Amino acid sequence: MSERTPRHRATTEAPASRTPTASVEAAETVLRRERDSTVTLVAGLTRDFDGFVEAAELVATDDEHDPEGHTIAFERQQVAALLRDARSHLDAVDVAIARLAAGTYGTCERCGGPVGDARLVARPAARTCVACAW
């Protein structure tokens, strides 16, 4: 009778960083670039949103019945949604940078397993592995 070894052993130890030093530097570069581009995006969307608000205050128009296209309110809300998403992404990138500094970047927050290189390439701020993301 052969003895079976368990496929997954539970441990109470904190997982060691799964990211090699060279990969830490590469991940930091990617995350810093992602953060910089997201900050630029947030600034641009904020300017756009402020422009819609200012335009609505300066002009007394009945844009709800404009046959030429979208209403100012629709455009403003569309930019507001994009701005909300960009700010949320910026928060996620900041958390990823903090995880990198703490040595937990690349480790799934739910199961403790590896997030996976392919997932981190596609989503550098990912906090969970593919299995736990569902």
N, C-alpha and C. Protein backbone atom coordinates (compact mmCIF):
# COMPACT_ATOMS: atom_id res chain seq x y z
N MET A 1 0.84 -1.17 0.00
CA MET A 1 0.00 0.00 0.00
C MET A 1 0.89 1.24 0.00
N SER A 2 0.71 2.10 -0.97
CA SER A 2 1.55 3.27 -1.06
C SER A 2 1.00 4.40 -0.20
N GLU A 3 1.93 5.15 0.34
CA GLU A 3 1.54 6.28 1.19
C GLU A 3 1.32 7.51 0.31
N ARG A 4 0.25 8.21 0.54
CA ARG A 4 -0.06 9.41 -0.25
C ARG A 4 0.44 10.65 0.48
N THR A 5 0.99 11.56 -0.29
CA THR A 5 1.39 12.84 0.28
C THR A 5 0.32 13.86 -0.06
N PRO A 6 -0.02 14.72 0.89
CA PRO A 6 -1.04 15.72 0.61
C PRO A 6 -0.58 16.69 -0.47
N ARG A 7 -1.50 17.09 -1.30
CA ARG A 7 -1.17 18.02 -2.38
C ARG A 7 -0.95 19.43 -1.86
N HIS A 8 -1.66 19.78 -0.80
CA HIS A 8 -1.56 21.14 -0.29
C HIS A 8 -1.40 21.05 1.22
N ARG A 9 -0.32 21.58 1.70
CA ARG A 9 -0.08 21.54 3.14
C ARG A 9 -0.36 22.91 3.73
N ALA A 10 -1.20 22.95 4.72
CA ALA A 10 -1.50 24.20 5.40
C ALA A 10 -0.31 24.58 6.27
N THR A 11 -0.05 25.85 6.35
CA THR A 11 1.05 26.33 7.17
C THR A 11 0.63 27.60 7.89
N THR A 12 1.21 27.80 9.05
CA THR A 12 0.90 29.02 9.80
C THR A 12 1.98 30.07 9.59
N GLU A 13 3.01 29.72 8.87
CA GLU A 13 4.09 30.67 8.61
C GLU A 13 3.65 31.69 7.58
N ALA A 14 4.16 32.92 7.72
CA ALA A 14 3.89 33.94 6.72
C ALA A 14 4.62 33.56 5.45
N PRO A 15 3.98 33.70 4.29
CA PRO A 15 4.64 33.32 3.05
C PRO A 15 5.82 34.24 2.75
N ALA A 16 6.89 33.64 2.31
CA ALA A 16 8.04 34.44 1.89
C ALA A 16 7.68 35.14 0.59
N SER A 17 8.36 36.23 0.33
CA SER A 17 8.11 36.95 -0.91
C SER A 17 8.34 36.01 -2.09
N ARG A 18 7.41 35.98 -3.00
CA ARG A 18 7.51 35.10 -4.16
C ARG A 18 8.14 35.83 -5.35
N THR A 19 8.59 37.04 -5.12
CA THR A 19 9.14 37.84 -6.20
C THR A 19 10.65 37.96 -6.03
N PRO A 20 11.44 37.40 -6.95
CA PRO A 20 12.90 37.54 -6.87
C PRO A 20 13.31 39.00 -6.94
N THR A 21 14.50 39.32 -6.43
CA THR A 21 14.97 40.70 -6.36
C THR A 21 14.92 41.41 -7.70
N ALA A 22 15.38 40.76 -8.77
CA ALA A 22 15.33 41.39 -10.10
C ALA A 22 13.89 41.67 -10.50
N SER A 23 13.00 40.75 -10.15
CA SER A 23 11.59 40.95 -10.47
C SER A 23 10.98 42.06 -9.62
N VAL A 24 11.46 42.23 -8.40
CA VAL A 24 10.98 43.31 -7.54
C VAL A 24 11.30 44.65 -8.20
N GLU A 25 12.51 44.78 -8.69
CA GLU A 25 12.90 46.02 -9.36
C GLU A 25 12.06 46.26 -10.61
N ALA A 26 11.84 45.21 -11.38
CA ALA A 26 11.03 45.33 -12.59
C ALA A 26 9.59 45.67 -12.23
N ALA A 27 9.05 45.01 -11.21
CA ALA A 27 7.67 45.28 -10.78
C ALA A 27 7.54 46.70 -10.29
N GLU A 28 8.54 47.18 -9.55
CA GLU A 28 8.49 48.56 -9.05
C GLU A 28 8.50 49.55 -10.21
N THR A 29 9.30 49.28 -11.22
CA THR A 29 9.34 50.15 -12.40
C THR A 29 7.98 50.17 -13.09
N VAL A 30 7.39 49.00 -13.28
CA VAL A 30 6.08 48.91 -13.93
C VAL A 30 5.03 49.64 -13.11
N LEU A 31 5.02 49.41 -11.80
CA LEU A 31 4.02 50.05 -10.93
C LEU A 31 4.20 51.57 -10.88
N ARG A 32 5.43 52.03 -10.84
CA ARG A 32 5.67 53.50 -10.83
C ARG A 32 5.18 54.13 -12.14
N ARG A 33 5.46 53.46 -13.26
CA ARG A 33 4.97 53.97 -14.55
C ARG A 33 3.45 53.97 -14.60
N GLU A 34 2.85 52.88 -14.09
CA GLU A 34 1.39 52.77 -14.05
C GLU A 34 0.81 53.88 -13.18
N ARG A 35 1.46 54.15 -12.06
CA ARG A 35 1.00 55.21 -11.17
C ARG A 35 1.10 56.57 -11.85
N ASP A 36 2.24 56.83 -12.48
CA ASP A 36 2.43 58.12 -13.16
C ASP A 36 1.38 58.34 -14.25
N SER A 37 1.14 57.31 -15.06
CA SER A 37 0.15 57.47 -16.14
C SER A 37 -1.26 57.63 -15.58
N THR A 38 -1.55 56.97 -14.46
CA THR A 38 -2.88 57.09 -13.86
C THR A 38 -3.06 58.46 -13.23
N VAL A 39 -2.02 59.00 -12.61
CA VAL A 39 -2.09 60.36 -12.05
C VAL A 39 -2.35 61.36 -13.17
N THR A 40 -1.70 61.18 -14.30
CA THR A 40 -1.92 62.05 -15.46
C THR A 40 -3.35 61.92 -15.96
N LEU A 41 -3.85 60.70 -16.03
CA LEU A 41 -5.23 60.47 -16.45
C LEU A 41 -6.22 61.13 -15.50
N VAL A 42 -6.01 60.97 -14.19
CA VAL A 42 -6.90 61.58 -13.20
C VAL A 42 -6.89 63.11 -13.35
N ALA A 43 -5.73 63.69 -13.56
CA ALA A 43 -5.64 65.14 -13.72
C ALA A 43 -6.41 65.60 -14.96
N GLY A 44 -6.26 64.89 -16.06
CA GLY A 44 -6.96 65.25 -17.30
C GLY A 44 -8.47 65.10 -17.16
N LEU A 45 -8.91 64.02 -16.55
CA LEU A 45 -10.35 63.81 -16.35
C LEU A 45 -10.93 64.83 -15.38
N THR A 46 -10.15 65.22 -14.38
CA THR A 46 -10.61 66.25 -13.44
C THR A 46 -10.80 67.57 -14.16
N ARG A 47 -9.86 67.91 -15.05
CA ARG A 47 -9.99 69.14 -15.85
C ARG A 47 -11.23 69.07 -16.73
N ASP A 48 -11.45 67.92 -17.37
CA ASP A 48 -12.63 67.75 -18.22
C ASP A 48 -13.91 67.90 -17.41
N PHE A 49 -13.95 67.25 -16.26
CA PHE A 49 -15.15 67.32 -15.41
C PHE A 49 -15.40 68.76 -14.96
N ASP A 50 -14.34 69.42 -14.51
CA ASP A 50 -14.49 70.82 -14.08
C ASP A 50 -14.96 71.70 -15.23
N GLY A 51 -14.51 71.40 -16.44
CA GLY A 51 -14.95 72.15 -17.62
C GLY A 51 -16.44 71.97 -17.88
N PHE A 52 -16.94 70.75 -17.71
CA PHE A 52 -18.38 70.51 -17.89
C PHE A 52 -19.19 71.24 -16.83
N VAL A 53 -18.72 71.22 -15.61
CA VAL A 53 -19.42 71.91 -14.53
C VAL A 53 -19.44 73.41 -14.80
N GLU A 54 -18.31 73.96 -15.19
CA GLU A 54 -18.23 75.39 -15.48
C GLU A 54 -19.12 75.76 -16.66
N ALA A 55 -19.11 74.96 -17.69
CA ALA A 55 -19.94 75.23 -18.87
C ALA A 55 -21.42 75.22 -18.51
N ALA A 56 -21.80 74.31 -17.65
CA ALA A 56 -23.21 74.22 -17.25
C ALA A 56 -23.61 75.43 -16.41
N GLU A 57 -22.68 75.97 -15.63
CA GLU A 57 -22.99 77.13 -14.79
C GLU A 57 -23.07 78.42 -15.60
N LEU A 58 -22.28 78.52 -16.65
CA LEU A 58 -22.20 79.76 -17.42
C LEU A 58 -23.29 79.92 -18.47
N VAL A 59 -23.83 78.82 -18.92
CA VAL A 59 -24.79 78.87 -20.01
C VAL A 59 -26.12 78.28 -19.56
N ALA A 60 -27.17 79.01 -19.81
CA ALA A 60 -28.51 78.52 -19.49
C ALA A 60 -29.09 77.86 -20.74
N THR A 61 -28.75 76.60 -20.91
CA THR A 61 -29.22 75.89 -22.09
C THR A 61 -30.17 74.78 -21.70
N ASP A 62 -31.00 74.43 -22.62
CA ASP A 62 -31.90 73.29 -22.44
C ASP A 62 -31.29 72.13 -23.21
N ASP A 63 -30.22 71.56 -22.66
CA ASP A 63 -29.51 70.51 -23.40
C ASP A 63 -30.26 69.18 -23.39
N GLU A 64 -31.30 69.06 -22.62
CA GLU A 64 -32.08 67.82 -22.60
C GLU A 64 -32.84 67.60 -23.91
N HIS A 65 -33.03 68.65 -24.66
CA HIS A 65 -33.79 68.54 -25.90
C HIS A 65 -32.95 68.89 -27.13
N ASP A 66 -31.64 68.79 -27.00
CA ASP A 66 -30.74 69.10 -28.10
C ASP A 66 -30.72 67.93 -29.08
N PRO A 67 -31.19 68.14 -30.30
CA PRO A 67 -31.23 67.06 -31.28
C PRO A 67 -29.85 66.72 -31.86
N GLU A 68 -28.85 67.51 -31.53
CA GLU A 68 -27.52 67.32 -32.13
C GLU A 68 -26.66 66.27 -31.43
N GLY A 69 -27.05 65.77 -30.30
CA GLY A 69 -26.19 64.78 -29.67
C GLY A 69 -26.44 64.63 -28.19
N HIS A 70 -25.40 64.17 -27.50
CA HIS A 70 -25.49 63.90 -26.06
C HIS A 70 -25.73 65.18 -25.27
N THR A 71 -26.32 65.01 -24.13
CA THR A 71 -26.55 66.15 -23.26
C THR A 71 -25.30 66.44 -22.44
N ILE A 72 -25.21 67.67 -21.94
CA ILE A 72 -24.09 68.04 -21.09
C ILE A 72 -24.10 67.16 -19.83
N ALA A 73 -25.28 66.90 -19.30
CA ALA A 73 -25.38 66.07 -18.10
C ALA A 73 -24.85 64.66 -18.38
N PHE A 74 -25.17 64.11 -19.54
CA PHE A 74 -24.68 62.78 -19.90
C PHE A 74 -23.16 62.78 -19.99
N GLU A 75 -22.62 63.76 -20.68
CA GLU A 75 -21.16 63.86 -20.84
C GLU A 75 -20.48 64.01 -19.48
N ARG A 76 -21.04 64.85 -18.63
CA ARG A 76 -20.47 65.07 -17.31
C ARG A 76 -20.47 63.76 -16.50
N GLN A 77 -21.55 63.03 -16.55
CA GLN A 77 -21.63 61.77 -15.79
C GLN A 77 -20.71 60.70 -16.37
N GLN A 78 -20.53 60.72 -17.66
CA GLN A 78 -19.60 59.78 -18.29
C GLN A 78 -18.17 60.05 -17.80
N VAL A 79 -17.78 61.32 -17.79
CA VAL A 79 -16.45 61.69 -17.31
C VAL A 79 -16.33 61.40 -15.81
N ALA A 80 -17.41 61.63 -15.05
CA ALA A 80 -17.38 61.34 -13.62
C ALA A 80 -17.13 59.85 -13.36
N ALA A 81 -17.74 59.00 -14.16
CA ALA A 81 -17.54 57.55 -14.00
C ALA A 81 -16.11 57.16 -14.36
N LEU A 82 -15.58 57.72 -15.43
CA LEU A 82 -14.19 57.44 -15.80
C LEU A 82 -13.23 57.93 -14.73
N LEU A 83 -13.52 59.09 -14.15
CA LEU A 83 -12.69 59.65 -13.08
C LEU A 83 -12.74 58.77 -11.84
N ARG A 84 -13.90 58.28 -11.49
CA ARG A 84 -14.06 57.39 -10.33
C ARG A 84 -13.25 56.10 -10.55
N ASP A 85 -13.32 55.54 -11.75
CA ASP A 85 -12.55 54.32 -12.07
C ASP A 85 -11.05 54.58 -12.02
N ALA A 86 -10.62 55.72 -12.54
CA ALA A 86 -9.19 56.05 -12.55
C ALA A 86 -8.68 56.24 -11.12
N ARG A 87 -9.46 56.87 -10.27
CA ARG A 87 -9.05 57.05 -8.87
C ARG A 87 -8.98 55.71 -8.15
N SER A 88 -9.92 54.84 -8.44
CA SER A 88 -9.92 53.50 -7.85
C SER A 88 -8.68 52.72 -8.29
N HIS A 89 -8.33 52.84 -9.57
CA HIS A 89 -7.13 52.17 -10.08
C HIS A 89 -5.88 52.74 -9.42
N LEU A 90 -5.84 54.05 -9.22
CA LEU A 90 -4.70 54.68 -8.55
C LEU A 90 -4.56 54.13 -7.13
N ASP A 91 -5.66 53.98 -6.43
CA ASP A 91 -5.63 53.40 -5.08
C ASP A 91 -5.08 51.97 -5.13
N ALA A 92 -5.50 51.19 -6.13
CA ALA A 92 -5.04 49.81 -6.27
C ALA A 92 -3.53 49.76 -6.55
N VAL A 93 -3.05 50.67 -7.36
CA VAL A 93 -1.61 50.72 -7.67
C VAL A 93 -0.83 51.10 -6.41
N ASP A 94 -1.35 52.05 -5.64
CA ASP A 94 -0.69 52.42 -4.39
C ASP A 94 -0.62 51.25 -3.42
N VAL A 95 -1.68 50.46 -3.35
CA VAL A 95 -1.68 49.26 -2.50
C VAL A 95 -0.64 48.26 -3.02
N ALA A 96 -0.54 48.11 -4.32
CA ALA A 96 0.45 47.19 -4.90
C ALA A 96 1.87 47.65 -4.58
N ILE A 97 2.12 48.93 -4.63
CA ILE A 97 3.45 49.46 -4.30
C ILE A 97 3.75 49.20 -2.82
N ALA A 98 2.77 49.37 -1.96
CA ALA A 98 2.95 49.09 -0.53
C ALA A 98 3.21 47.59 -0.31
N ARG A 99 2.51 46.74 -1.04
CA ARG A 99 2.71 45.29 -0.93
C ARG A 99 4.11 44.90 -1.40
N LEU A 100 4.58 45.58 -2.44
CA LEU A 100 5.92 45.32 -2.94
C LEU A 100 6.95 45.65 -1.86
N ALA A 101 6.77 46.79 -1.20
CA ALA A 101 7.68 47.19 -0.14
C ALA A 101 7.61 46.24 1.06
N ALA A 102 6.43 45.68 1.30
CA ALA A 102 6.24 44.77 2.44
C ALA A 102 6.67 43.34 2.12
N GLY A 103 6.97 43.06 0.85
CA GLY A 103 7.40 41.72 0.46
C GLY A 103 6.25 40.76 0.20
N THR A 104 5.04 41.28 0.06
CA THR A 104 3.88 40.41 -0.19
C THR A 104 3.33 40.54 -1.59
N TYR A 105 3.96 41.35 -2.43
CA TYR A 105 3.52 41.51 -3.81
C TYR A 105 3.69 40.18 -4.53
N GLY A 106 2.68 39.78 -5.27
CA GLY A 106 2.74 38.51 -6.00
C GLY A 106 2.17 37.35 -5.22
N THR A 107 1.73 37.61 -3.98
CA THR A 107 1.11 36.59 -3.14
C THR A 107 -0.38 36.90 -3.04
N CYS A 108 -1.20 35.92 -3.31
CA CYS A 108 -2.66 36.08 -3.28
C CYS A 108 -3.11 36.43 -1.86
N GLU A 109 -3.92 37.47 -1.73
CA GLU A 109 -4.41 37.88 -0.43
C GLU A 109 -5.43 36.90 0.16
N ARG A 110 -6.02 36.07 -0.66
CA ARG A 110 -7.04 35.13 -0.16
C ARG A 110 -6.45 33.78 0.22
N CYS A 111 -5.73 33.16 -0.72
CA CYS A 111 -5.26 31.79 -0.48
C CYS A 111 -3.79 31.70 -0.10
N GLY A 112 -3.04 32.79 -0.30
CA GLY A 112 -1.62 32.77 0.03
C GLY A 112 -0.73 32.18 -1.03
N GLY A 113 -1.32 31.72 -2.13
CA GLY A 113 -0.54 31.17 -3.23
C GLY A 113 -0.02 32.27 -4.14
N PRO A 114 0.73 31.90 -5.15
CA PRO A 114 1.25 32.91 -6.08
C PRO A 114 0.13 33.49 -6.96
N VAL A 115 0.20 34.79 -7.20
CA VAL A 115 -0.75 35.45 -8.09
C VAL A 115 -0.50 34.98 -9.52
N GLY A 116 0.75 34.81 -9.87
CA GLY A 116 1.12 34.34 -11.21
C GLY A 116 1.70 35.46 -12.04
N ASP A 117 2.81 35.15 -12.70
CA ASP A 117 3.50 36.16 -13.51
C ASP A 117 2.63 36.70 -14.63
N ALA A 118 1.92 35.82 -15.33
CA ALA A 118 1.09 36.27 -16.46
C ALA A 118 0.01 37.24 -15.98
N ARG A 119 -0.58 36.95 -14.83
CA ARG A 119 -1.62 37.84 -14.29
C ARG A 119 -1.02 39.18 -13.89
N LEU A 120 0.16 39.16 -13.29
CA LEU A 120 0.79 40.42 -12.88
C LEU A 120 1.25 41.24 -14.08
N VAL A 121 1.60 40.58 -15.16
CA VAL A 121 1.94 41.32 -16.38
C VAL A 121 0.69 41.99 -16.93
N ALA A 122 -0.42 41.27 -16.92
CA ALA A 122 -1.68 41.81 -17.45
C ALA A 122 -2.30 42.84 -16.50
N ARG A 123 -2.20 42.58 -15.20
CA ARG A 123 -2.81 43.45 -14.18
C ARG A 123 -1.81 43.63 -13.05
N PRO A 124 -0.90 44.59 -13.19
CA PRO A 124 0.17 44.75 -12.20
C PRO A 124 -0.32 44.99 -10.76
N ALA A 125 -1.52 45.50 -10.60
CA ALA A 125 -2.04 45.77 -9.27
C ALA A 125 -2.91 44.63 -8.73
N ALA A 126 -2.89 43.47 -9.39
CA ALA A 126 -3.72 42.35 -8.96
C ALA A 126 -3.35 41.92 -7.54
N ARG A 127 -4.37 41.66 -6.73
CA ARG A 127 -4.16 41.26 -5.34
C ARG A 127 -4.49 39.79 -5.10
N THR A 128 -5.12 39.16 -6.08
CA THR A 128 -5.50 37.76 -5.94
C THR A 128 -5.08 36.97 -7.17
N CYS A 129 -4.95 35.66 -6.98
CA CYS A 129 -4.68 34.78 -8.13
C CYS A 129 -5.96 34.65 -8.96
N VAL A 130 -5.86 34.04 -10.12
CA VAL A 130 -7.01 33.91 -11.01
C VAL A 130 -8.12 33.11 -10.34
N ALA A 131 -7.76 32.03 -9.66
CA ALA A 131 -8.78 31.18 -9.03
C ALA A 131 -9.57 31.95 -7.97
N CYS A 132 -8.90 32.77 -7.19
CA CYS A 132 -9.56 33.52 -6.12
C CYS A 132 -10.27 34.77 -6.64
N ALA A 133 -9.93 35.19 -7.83
CA ALA A 133 -10.57 36.39 -8.41
C ALA A 133 -12.00 36.11 -8.79
N TRP A 134 -12.35 34.86 -9.01
CA TRP A 134 -13.72 34.50 -9.41
C TRP A 134 -14.50 34.32 -8.19
